[in-house]
Structure formats: C-alpha cells, structure tokens
C-alpha cells in the first residue's frame, strides 16, 4: 500500500504544469528582472549604477546581462590615476621650453651671421627647430623638457599616451608658421649683400632681414602672435585647461598622482 501511494504521488507530480521562476535571469533569455528603482537584478544582486552607466556609454542596452558587456583590451584601458595639470604648471613648462628655444635660436643665429652661405643653410633648422622639438618630444615621450621638469604629460582624452598622429596635429599650426618664417628668412638673405654678414650676431642680422620679408610672411608672423595669446585665454575658460592645439590634437595635459 505504501509503494502504491508513492507511485500515485509521483504520477500526480509529473502531471502538474511546471511554473518557471522569472525572478532570476535565464541563460537563454539574456534578460534580467528590474528592481522597483528600475535597476537590473543579477544573480549576485542589483547591478551598480556605475556599471549601468558604463553599459550606456558602450552603446549596450540597459537590460543586457553582465556577461554580454565586452571587456576592454589593454590598449583601450583608461588611465584613472591622474589629475589635470594646472594653468600655472603649463605656463611654467612653456617658459622653460621657450628659454631652451631662445638659446637654440641665439646659437644658430650667431653662426648664420658669420657668412651668407652659412645663413642660407642654417636659417631653415633655426626656423623649424622649435616646432620639431615639440613635435618629436610629444610623439616619443608625451612631453618636452619643460613638461618633464614640471612632471606633466600630454595624453589622449581617455588618458592613454599620444602618438605621432596626435603630436602632429598639436604642432600643426606652429609647424606651418615655422615653414613660412623659414621661407621669409631665405628670401631675405638672398637680397642682402655678402658684406652684411660679418659676425654681428643674430639680433643685428635679423633687423637687416625683416625689411625684406614678403608681405604674407609679415602677416603670418602677426597672426601667430594673436594665436599665442588666444592659446592662453582658451586655457583659462575651459574645465580641462586645454589650449587650442589640444582641441586640434584631441589631447589634454595631466599630472600623474
């Protein structure tokens, strides 16, 4: 009788409809149940709001499960242990780089003033030296000597190191002005007689060269002066202290903590 009763109970249990518990996510559906505040409920509890925001930033639907969120590769990792460089730090780094560039121009100018042939060759690196210094330094190391002393770096907007592409775009305006200046110097040297070069120094020689600059070179040099001031003003009026060349290169300057 006992065995017959157990068999009857098993038959009754097998005939009952199976009710699926929808309070937990099923592997096939990929959906999760929402809590009263509309936060997905996972097997480990509610999904943090930060994770939900991350899914939205990645373009993923809010109802996706945790396993469906793609993992970022090491190259796409975002540096979070950093803070933005201050306006004073950027200015101080710029002053250091300006002093180095001035020393370079002074030495090259001294050699240019010795002879017309030397000037015709050396004015090109003299005019382009500053922009190449900035371009190569940022592309290889993310900083110049001034930024190294101030312990600040140039990075992409996601915090990863910049490359040649970003560095080229950051230095594009400075490089164009350097090229135009070099053209103006070479053309002015052509008009000066050879006896004008007698080792008088770069300052005295430059005063002789400027009257022979083409008009477009003078206009470009004046525009570059306004450009330099606009860089400082732009840094003061945005939250990340980005200059115009940072917007062109999609970069920002940070100081590692």
Foldseek 3Di string as FASTA:
>chain_A
DVVVVVVVVVVVVVPDDDDDDQQADDPVPQFADADPVRFGAYPVGTDDPVVLVVCVVVVHDSGGDPVPDDDDDPQPDFDDQWFFDDLVLVVQLVVVLVVVLVVVLQVLQLQLLAWLVSVLPSLLCNLQVSLVQQLVCCQPPQGHPSCVVSQKGKDAPRHHRDHNQLSCLLSVLSNVLSVLVSVQSNQLSVPDDGVSRHSPTRVVVVVSSVVSGDPVNVVSVVVVVVLVVQQSVVLVPDDNSGGPSCVRSNIGMIHGD
